[in-house]
Amino acid sequence: MNNHFSSVIFDFDYTLADSSAGEVECVNYALRAMNLPPAANSDIHAMIGVSLPETFRRLTRDVSRTGTDEFVELFIKRADAVMLDYITLFDSVRPAVKQLITGGLTLGIVSTKYRRRIDAFLRREDLNHLFKVIVGGEDVPAHKPDPAGLNMALEKLGHSSAQTVYVGDSVVDAETAKRADVAFVAVLSGVTPKEAFHDYAPLAVIDNLQTLPALLLNND
């Protein structure tokens, strides 16, 4: 594959790191505090990468503004206390991102997760200096699959959509890339099966980030 990319932008949850245990803890903390039944782990896992208001609506079928706002406030309160302790870096990430940078690519992150939480995690892992831009859920007026976050990252990097590839684990990520007119690589480190990406014609579908450098840096 000819390398024509200047930047690689990553989703965070289930792409760079696993925070599923923390998501379960924080979602069910909020639901319990609202006197609502807890959600199944699998249902919460399927919501990772979805905005908090939409997560609440899908899990409870409650579309009220009052309920949504209370859930979001409670989730954030708990997440501020415990989320960082629950997040673990995927083994393939550290060598992959270093190879991409050595190969001349600029890296960024676009996620619905709060930027401050991503930044704290990257600092803990001594990876913060490797990502030139981070766009979190608090930075944009609309969350994925709206392309606002990707477009903001492109503007900050000074790169065009044609120069960029977005790497993510979900069809929400695939749709976001499509709307931003950015090439997409699907990674199967989340809960989305390979066949779900078929209609999006991804550049590639990979098991984890280990094979990403060879995919993007091969000039043959």
Protein backbone atom coordinates (compact mmCIF):
# COMPACT_ATOMS: atom_id res chain seq x y z
CA MET A 1 0.00 0.00 0.00
CA ASN A 2 1.37 3.39 -0.94
CA ASN A 3 1.70 5.70 2.01
CA HIS A 4 -0.01 9.02 1.33
CA PHE A 5 -1.03 9.80 4.88
CA SER A 6 0.40 12.51 7.09
CA SER A 7 -1.64 11.88 10.21
CA VAL A 8 -3.36 9.08 12.08
CA ILE A 9 -6.20 9.94 14.44
CA PHE A 10 -7.41 7.35 16.93
CA ASP A 11 -10.60 6.75 18.82
CA PHE A 12 -9.76 6.07 22.49
CA ASP A 13 -12.02 3.50 24.16
CA TYR A 14 -11.55 -0.05 22.82
CA THR A 15 -9.03 1.32 20.31
CA LEU A 16 -6.13 2.50 22.46
CA ALA A 17 -7.34 1.37 25.85
CA ASP A 18 -9.90 -0.71 27.72
CA SER A 19 -12.02 1.21 30.22
CA SER A 20 -14.97 -1.18 30.13
CA ALA A 21 -14.76 -2.06 33.85
CA GLY A 22 -14.81 1.62 34.72
CA GLU A 23 -17.74 2.27 32.43
CA VAL A 24 -19.72 -0.50 34.14
CA GLU A 25 -18.87 0.90 37.56
CA CYS A 26 -19.83 4.47 36.68
CA VAL A 27 -23.01 3.65 34.74
CA ASN A 28 -24.38 1.42 37.46
CA TYR A 29 -23.33 3.84 40.20
CA ALA A 30 -25.46 6.49 38.49
CA LEU A 31 -28.39 4.14 37.92
CA ARG A 32 -28.37 2.93 41.52
CA ALA A 33 -28.27 6.51 42.78
CA MET A 34 -31.36 7.20 40.66
CA ASN A 35 -33.12 4.12 42.11
CA LEU A 36 -33.02 2.43 38.72
CA PRO A 37 -32.06 -1.21 38.11
CA PRO A 38 -28.43 -1.83 37.10
CA ALA A 39 -27.65 -2.54 33.46
CA ALA A 40 -26.00 -5.73 32.25
CA ASN A 41 -22.27 -5.53 31.64
CA SER A 42 -22.71 -6.48 27.99
CA ASP A 43 -25.26 -3.72 27.44
CA ILE A 44 -22.91 -1.16 28.94
CA HIS A 45 -19.98 -2.44 26.90
CA ALA A 46 -22.05 -1.88 23.76
CA MET A 47 -22.51 1.77 24.77
CA ILE A 48 -18.80 2.55 25.02
CA GLY A 49 -18.03 5.35 22.60
CA VAL A 50 -21.63 6.58 22.69
CA SER A 51 -22.34 9.91 24.40
CA LEU A 52 -23.52 9.80 28.02
CA PRO A 53 -26.99 11.22 27.27
CA GLU A 54 -27.49 8.66 24.52
CA THR A 55 -26.19 5.88 26.78
CA PHE A 56 -28.80 6.77 29.39
CA ARG A 57 -31.59 6.90 26.83
CA ARG A 58 -30.70 3.55 25.30
CA LEU A 59 -30.25 1.75 28.62
CA THR A 60 -33.38 3.11 30.31
CA ARG A 61 -35.67 4.30 27.49
CA ASP A 62 -35.99 7.50 29.50
CA VAL A 63 -35.78 10.49 27.15
CA SER A 64 -36.48 13.17 29.78
CA ARG A 65 -34.03 16.03 30.14
CA THR A 66 -34.19 15.78 33.93
CA GLY A 67 -33.27 12.10 34.02
CA THR A 68 -30.55 12.50 31.41
CA ASP A 69 -28.92 15.42 33.19
CA GLU A 70 -28.98 13.62 36.54
CA PHE A 71 -27.42 10.51 35.03
CA VAL A 72 -24.65 12.48 33.34
CA GLU A 73 -23.87 14.38 36.54
CA LEU A 74 -23.70 11.21 38.61
CA PHE A 75 -21.63 9.33 36.03
CA ILE A 76 -19.08 12.15 35.85
CA LYS A 77 -18.91 12.41 39.64
CA ARG A 78 -18.04 8.73 39.93
CA ALA A 79 -15.73 8.76 36.91
CA ASP A 80 -13.73 11.65 38.34
CA ALA A 81 -13.10 9.52 41.42
CA VAL A 82 -12.34 6.10 39.94
CA MET A 83 -12.18 5.95 36.13
CA LEU A 84 -8.44 6.44 35.71
CA ASP A 85 -7.71 3.45 37.94
CA TYR A 86 -9.80 1.21 35.69
CA ILE A 87 -8.26 2.13 32.32
CA THR A 88 -5.64 -0.22 30.87
CA LEU A 89 -3.54 0.31 27.75
CA PHE A 90 -3.72 -2.37 25.06
CA ASP A 91 -0.37 -4.13 24.71
CA SER A 92 -0.03 -3.33 21.01
CA VAL A 93 -0.42 0.43 21.41
CA ARG A 94 2.94 1.59 22.76
CA PRO A 95 5.13 -0.03 20.06
CA ALA A 96 2.65 0.81 17.31
CA VAL A 97 2.41 4.53 18.00
CA LYS A 98 6.18 4.83 18.34
CA GLN A 99 6.67 3.10 14.97
CA LEU A 100 4.13 5.42 13.35
CA ILE A 101 5.91 8.49 14.68
CA THR A 102 9.30 7.14 13.60
CA GLY A 103 7.75 6.69 10.17
CA GLY A 104 6.90 10.39 10.03
CA LEU A 105 3.19 10.34 10.90
CA THR A 106 1.52 12.81 13.26
CA LEU A 107 -0.88 11.31 15.80
CA GLY A 108 -4.09 12.54 17.41
CA ILE A 109 -7.13 11.32 19.32
CA VAL A 110 -10.82 12.07 18.81
CA SER A 111 -13.17 10.55 21.37
CA THR A 112 -16.42 11.11 23.21
CA LYS A 113 -14.43 10.56 26.43
CA TYR A 114 -13.48 13.74 28.25
CA ARG A 115 -10.18 15.16 27.10
CA ARG A 116 -8.97 15.71 30.66
CA ARG A 117 -9.44 12.00 31.38
CA ILE A 118 -7.59 10.92 28.25
CA ASP A 119 -4.79 13.37 29.00
CA ALA A 120 -4.45 12.10 32.58
CA PHE A 121 -4.26 8.51 31.33
CA LEU A 122 -1.65 9.33 28.67
CA ARG A 123 0.45 11.17 31.25
CA ARG A 124 0.28 8.17 33.53
CA GLU A 125 1.49 5.96 30.68
CA ASP A 126 4.12 8.53 29.56
CA LEU A 127 2.50 8.72 26.13
CA ASN A 128 1.09 12.24 26.23
CA HIS A 129 4.01 13.70 24.23
CA LEU A 130 3.27 11.38 21.30
CA PHE A 131 -0.17 12.81 20.45
CA LYS A 132 -0.24 16.30 18.96
CA VAL A 133 -3.97 16.85 19.40
CA ILE A 134 -6.71 15.44 21.61
CA VAL A 135 -10.35 16.30 21.02
CA GLY A 136 -12.68 15.08 23.75
CA GLY A 137 -16.39 15.05 24.30
CA GLU A 138 -16.38 18.43 26.03
CA ASP A 139 -14.69 20.13 23.07
CA VAL A 140 -17.42 19.83 20.46
CA PRO A 141 -21.12 20.76 20.24
CA ALA A 142 -22.08 17.36 18.80
CA HIS A 143 -20.60 13.92 19.42
CA LYS A 144 -19.75 11.14 16.99
CA PRO A 145 -20.92 10.19 14.44
CA ASP A 146 -21.10 13.95 13.87
CA PRO A 147 -17.71 14.78 12.28
CA ALA A 148 -17.14 17.93 14.35
CA GLY A 149 -14.41 16.31 16.45
CA LEU A 150 -12.50 14.94 13.49
CA ASN A 151 -12.80 18.21 11.64
CA MET A 152 -11.49 20.09 14.66
CA ALA A 153 -8.52 17.73 14.92
CA LEU A 154 -7.72 18.17 11.24
CA GLU A 155 -7.82 21.94 11.61
CA LYS A 156 -5.52 21.85 14.64
CA LEU A 157 -3.07 19.56 12.84
CA GLY A 158 -3.22 21.56 9.63
CA HIS A 159 -3.85 18.41 7.59
CA SER A 160 -6.52 17.68 5.03
CA SER A 161 -9.00 14.81 5.17
CA ALA A 162 -7.18 13.17 2.26
CA GLN A 163 -3.98 13.07 4.32
CA THR A 164 -5.60 11.45 7.34
CA VAL A 165 -6.78 8.03 8.50
CA TYR A 166 -9.09 7.49 11.45
CA VAL A 167 -8.72 4.30 13.48
CA GLY A 168 -11.63 3.05 15.56
CA ASP A 169 -13.44 -0.01 16.85
CA SER A 170 -17.11 0.75 16.17
CA VAL A 171 -19.54 1.54 13.40
CA VAL A 172 -19.98 4.94 15.06
CA ASP A 173 -16.29 5.54 14.35
CA ALA A 174 -16.71 4.28 10.79
CA GLU A 175 -19.67 6.60 10.21
CA THR A 176 -17.72 9.52 11.69
CA ALA A 177 -14.85 8.91 9.28
CA LYS A 178 -17.28 8.64 6.38
CA ARG A 179 -18.94 11.96 7.23
CA ALA A 180 -15.54 13.66 7.54
CA ASP A 181 -14.39 12.11 4.23
CA VAL A 182 -11.47 10.46 6.03
CA ALA A 183 -10.10 6.96 5.35
CA PHE A 184 -11.00 4.46 8.07
CA VAL A 185 -9.21 1.48 9.61
CA ALA A 186 -11.35 -0.77 11.80
CA VAL A 187 -9.74 -2.51 14.75
CA LEU A 188 -11.41 -5.53 16.35
CA SER A 189 -10.33 -4.82 19.92
CA GLY A 190 -13.84 -3.83 20.95
CA VAL A 191 -17.20 -5.58 20.80
CA THR A 192 -18.07 -4.88 17.15
CA PRO A 193 -17.74 -7.86 14.78
CA LYS A 194 -15.83 -7.64 11.51
CA GLU A 195 -18.91 -7.98 9.33
CA ALA A 196 -20.45 -4.84 10.83
CA PHE A 197 -17.88 -2.73 8.97
CA HIS A 198 -18.61 -4.19 5.53
CA ASP A 199 -20.82 -1.36 4.31
CA TYR A 200 -18.21 1.25 5.21
CA ALA A 201 -15.49 -0.15 2.94
CA PRO A 202 -12.67 0.39 5.45
CA LEU A 203 -9.09 0.69 4.31
CA ALA A 204 -8.45 -2.41 6.41
CA VAL A 205 -9.87 -4.42 9.31
CA ILE A 206 -7.17 -5.43 11.80
CA ASP A 207 -7.23 -7.47 15.00
CA ASN A 208 -5.19 -4.94 16.99
CA LEU A 209 -2.81 -2.04 16.41
CA GLN A 210 0.25 -4.27 16.01
CA THR A 211 -0.21 -4.44 12.24
CA LEU A 212 -1.10 -0.76 11.73
CA PRO A 213 2.46 0.55 11.14
CA ALA A 214 3.12 -2.01 8.40
CA LEU A 215 -0.23 -1.13 6.83
CA LEU A 216 0.36 2.61 6.73
CA LEU A 217 4.14 2.84 6.32
CA ASN A 218 4.64 0.29 3.53
CA ASN A 219 5.66 2.18 0.39
CA ASP A 220 5.80 -0.87 -1.89
